[in-house]
N, C-alpha and C. Protein backbone atom coordinates (compact mmCIF):
# COMPACT_ATOMS: atom_id res chain seq x y z
N MET A 1 117.20 -116.22 -71.59
CA MET A 1 118.30 -116.59 -70.71
C MET A 1 117.78 -117.01 -69.34
N GLY A 2 116.92 -116.19 -68.71
CA GLY A 2 116.31 -116.59 -67.46
C GLY A 2 117.17 -116.29 -66.24
N THR A 3 116.60 -116.59 -65.10
CA THR A 3 117.27 -116.38 -63.83
C THR A 3 118.28 -117.50 -63.60
N PRO A 4 119.50 -117.13 -63.18
CA PRO A 4 120.49 -118.18 -62.92
C PRO A 4 120.06 -119.06 -61.75
N THR A 5 120.25 -120.35 -61.90
CA THR A 5 119.96 -121.28 -60.82
C THR A 5 121.17 -121.32 -59.90
N PRO A 6 121.00 -121.83 -58.67
CA PRO A 6 122.17 -121.93 -57.79
C PRO A 6 123.30 -122.75 -58.42
N THR A 7 122.95 -123.79 -59.18
CA THR A 7 123.98 -124.60 -59.82
C THR A 7 124.73 -123.79 -60.87
N ARG A 8 123.98 -123.05 -61.69
CA ARG A 8 124.63 -122.20 -62.70
C ARG A 8 125.49 -121.13 -62.06
N ALA A 9 125.00 -120.54 -60.98
CA ALA A 9 125.78 -119.51 -60.29
C ALA A 9 127.08 -120.11 -59.75
N ALA A 10 127.01 -121.30 -59.18
CA ALA A 10 128.21 -121.97 -58.66
C ALA A 10 129.18 -122.29 -59.78
N GLU A 11 128.65 -122.74 -60.91
CA GLU A 11 129.51 -123.04 -62.06
C GLU A 11 130.18 -121.77 -62.55
N SER A 12 129.44 -120.66 -62.61
CA SER A 12 130.00 -119.39 -63.05
C SER A 12 131.09 -118.91 -62.11
N ALA A 13 130.85 -119.06 -60.81
CA ALA A 13 131.85 -118.65 -59.82
C ALA A 13 133.10 -119.50 -59.96
N SER A 14 132.92 -120.79 -60.21
CA SER A 14 134.06 -121.69 -60.37
C SER A 14 134.91 -121.30 -61.58
N VAL A 15 134.24 -120.98 -62.69
CA VAL A 15 134.95 -120.54 -63.89
C VAL A 15 135.66 -119.24 -63.61
N ALA A 16 134.99 -118.32 -62.93
CA ALA A 16 135.59 -117.03 -62.60
C ALA A 16 136.82 -117.22 -61.71
N ASP A 17 136.71 -118.10 -60.71
CA ASP A 17 137.86 -118.38 -59.83
C ASP A 17 139.03 -118.92 -60.65
N ARG A 18 138.74 -119.84 -61.54
CA ARG A 18 139.78 -120.46 -62.36
C ARG A 18 140.46 -119.41 -63.25
N GLU A 19 139.65 -118.57 -63.90
CA GLU A 19 140.22 -117.54 -64.78
C GLU A 19 141.02 -116.51 -63.99
N LEU A 20 140.51 -116.11 -62.84
CA LEU A 20 141.23 -115.15 -62.00
C LEU A 20 142.55 -115.73 -61.53
N ALA A 21 142.53 -116.98 -61.09
CA ALA A 21 143.76 -117.64 -60.65
C ALA A 21 144.78 -117.69 -61.78
N ARG A 22 144.32 -118.06 -62.95
CA ARG A 22 145.21 -118.14 -64.11
C ARG A 22 145.82 -116.78 -64.43
N SER A 23 145.00 -115.73 -64.40
CA SER A 23 145.51 -114.40 -64.76
C SER A 23 146.46 -113.83 -63.71
N LEU A 24 146.30 -114.28 -62.46
CA LEU A 24 147.18 -113.80 -61.38
C LEU A 24 148.35 -114.73 -61.08
N PHE A 25 148.40 -115.86 -61.81
CA PHE A 25 149.46 -116.84 -61.61
C PHE A 25 149.49 -117.40 -60.19
N VAL A 26 148.28 -117.66 -59.67
CA VAL A 26 148.15 -118.29 -58.35
C VAL A 26 147.21 -119.48 -58.51
N SER A 27 147.09 -120.28 -57.48
CA SER A 27 146.20 -121.44 -57.56
C SER A 27 144.75 -121.00 -57.33
N GLU A 28 143.85 -121.84 -57.79
CA GLU A 28 142.43 -121.58 -57.57
C GLU A 28 142.12 -121.58 -56.07
N ALA A 29 142.82 -122.42 -55.32
CA ALA A 29 142.64 -122.46 -53.86
C ALA A 29 143.03 -121.13 -53.22
N THR A 30 144.05 -120.49 -53.74
CA THR A 30 144.47 -119.18 -53.21
C THR A 30 143.38 -118.15 -53.45
N VAL A 31 142.80 -118.16 -54.63
CA VAL A 31 141.70 -117.23 -54.94
C VAL A 31 140.55 -117.47 -53.98
N LYS A 32 140.17 -118.72 -53.79
CA LYS A 32 139.06 -119.05 -52.90
C LYS A 32 139.35 -118.64 -51.46
N SER A 33 140.59 -118.81 -51.04
CA SER A 33 140.98 -118.42 -49.69
C SER A 33 140.86 -116.90 -49.50
N HIS A 34 141.35 -116.16 -50.47
CA HIS A 34 141.25 -114.69 -50.38
C HIS A 34 139.79 -114.24 -50.40
N LEU A 35 138.97 -114.85 -51.26
CA LEU A 35 137.56 -114.50 -51.31
C LEU A 35 136.89 -114.79 -49.97
N SER A 36 137.22 -115.91 -49.37
CA SER A 36 136.65 -116.26 -48.07
C SER A 36 136.98 -115.20 -47.03
N HIS A 37 138.23 -114.75 -47.02
CA HIS A 37 138.63 -113.71 -46.06
C HIS A 37 137.91 -112.39 -46.34
N ILE A 38 137.73 -112.06 -47.60
CA ILE A 38 137.01 -110.84 -47.97
C ILE A 38 135.56 -110.93 -47.50
N TYR A 39 134.93 -112.08 -47.76
CA TYR A 39 133.54 -112.27 -47.33
C TYR A 39 133.43 -112.13 -45.81
N THR A 40 134.37 -112.69 -45.08
CA THR A 40 134.34 -112.61 -43.62
C THR A 40 134.47 -111.16 -43.17
N LYS A 41 135.41 -110.44 -43.72
CA LYS A 41 135.61 -109.04 -43.33
C LYS A 41 134.42 -108.17 -43.65
N LEU A 42 133.76 -108.45 -44.76
CA LEU A 42 132.59 -107.66 -45.15
C LEU A 42 131.29 -108.22 -44.58
N GLU A 43 131.37 -109.36 -43.90
CA GLU A 43 130.22 -110.03 -43.29
C GLU A 43 129.14 -110.34 -44.33
N VAL A 44 129.57 -111.00 -45.42
CA VAL A 44 128.66 -111.40 -46.51
C VAL A 44 128.94 -112.85 -46.89
N ASP A 45 128.10 -113.39 -47.78
CA ASP A 45 128.26 -114.78 -48.21
C ASP A 45 128.45 -114.96 -49.71
N THR A 46 128.27 -113.90 -50.49
CA THR A 46 128.35 -114.03 -51.94
C THR A 46 129.17 -112.91 -52.56
N ARG A 47 129.59 -113.13 -53.80
CA ARG A 47 130.32 -112.09 -54.53
C ARG A 47 129.48 -110.83 -54.69
N ALA A 48 128.23 -111.03 -55.07
CA ALA A 48 127.34 -109.88 -55.29
C ALA A 48 127.18 -109.07 -54.00
N ALA A 49 126.99 -109.77 -52.90
CA ALA A 49 126.85 -109.08 -51.61
C ALA A 49 128.16 -108.37 -51.24
N ALA A 50 129.29 -108.99 -51.56
CA ALA A 50 130.58 -108.36 -51.27
C ALA A 50 130.74 -107.07 -52.05
N VAL A 51 130.37 -107.10 -53.32
CA VAL A 51 130.46 -105.89 -54.14
C VAL A 51 129.53 -104.81 -53.60
N ALA A 52 128.29 -105.20 -53.29
CA ALA A 52 127.33 -104.23 -52.76
C ALA A 52 127.83 -103.62 -51.46
N ARG A 53 128.33 -104.44 -50.55
CA ARG A 53 128.83 -103.94 -49.26
C ARG A 53 130.05 -103.04 -49.47
N ALA A 54 130.94 -103.43 -50.37
CA ALA A 54 132.13 -102.61 -50.64
C ALA A 54 131.74 -101.25 -51.22
N ILE A 55 130.70 -101.21 -52.04
CA ILE A 55 130.22 -99.93 -52.57
C ILE A 55 129.61 -99.11 -51.44
N GLU A 56 128.78 -99.75 -50.61
CA GLU A 56 128.16 -99.07 -49.46
C GLU A 56 129.21 -98.44 -48.56
N GLN A 57 130.30 -99.18 -48.32
CA GLN A 57 131.35 -98.71 -47.41
C GLN A 57 132.38 -97.84 -48.13
N ARG A 58 132.14 -97.56 -49.39
CA ARG A 58 133.01 -96.73 -50.21
C ARG A 58 134.43 -97.29 -50.32
N ILE A 59 134.50 -98.62 -50.31
CA ILE A 59 135.78 -99.29 -50.53
C ILE A 59 136.09 -99.30 -52.02
N ILE A 60 135.02 -99.46 -52.81
CA ILE A 60 135.13 -99.38 -54.27
C ILE A 60 134.06 -98.44 -54.78
N ARG A 61 134.25 -97.95 -56.01
CA ARG A 61 133.26 -97.08 -56.62
C ARG A 61 132.30 -97.91 -57.48
N PRO A 62 131.05 -97.48 -57.53
CA PRO A 62 130.12 -98.19 -58.40
C PRO A 62 130.50 -98.00 -59.86
N PRO A 63 130.18 -98.95 -60.71
CA PRO A 63 130.50 -98.80 -62.12
C PRO A 63 129.73 -97.65 -62.73
N GLY A 64 130.36 -97.03 -63.73
CA GLY A 64 129.65 -95.97 -64.47
C GLY A 64 129.98 -94.65 -64.04
């Protein structure tokens, strides 16, 4: 499988945004807007960093 390239990561995020929007009955733009605000509040640039920061700040629990 290998290490994801930036292009693959972007494609995966796009698919995830689309699926999340569909499941929440909102537009993909709404999902992206909310993610942008979350990233700003957590002072991060990526989903992975947002999850890590949220765990550090005990906003969410780690899996397992």
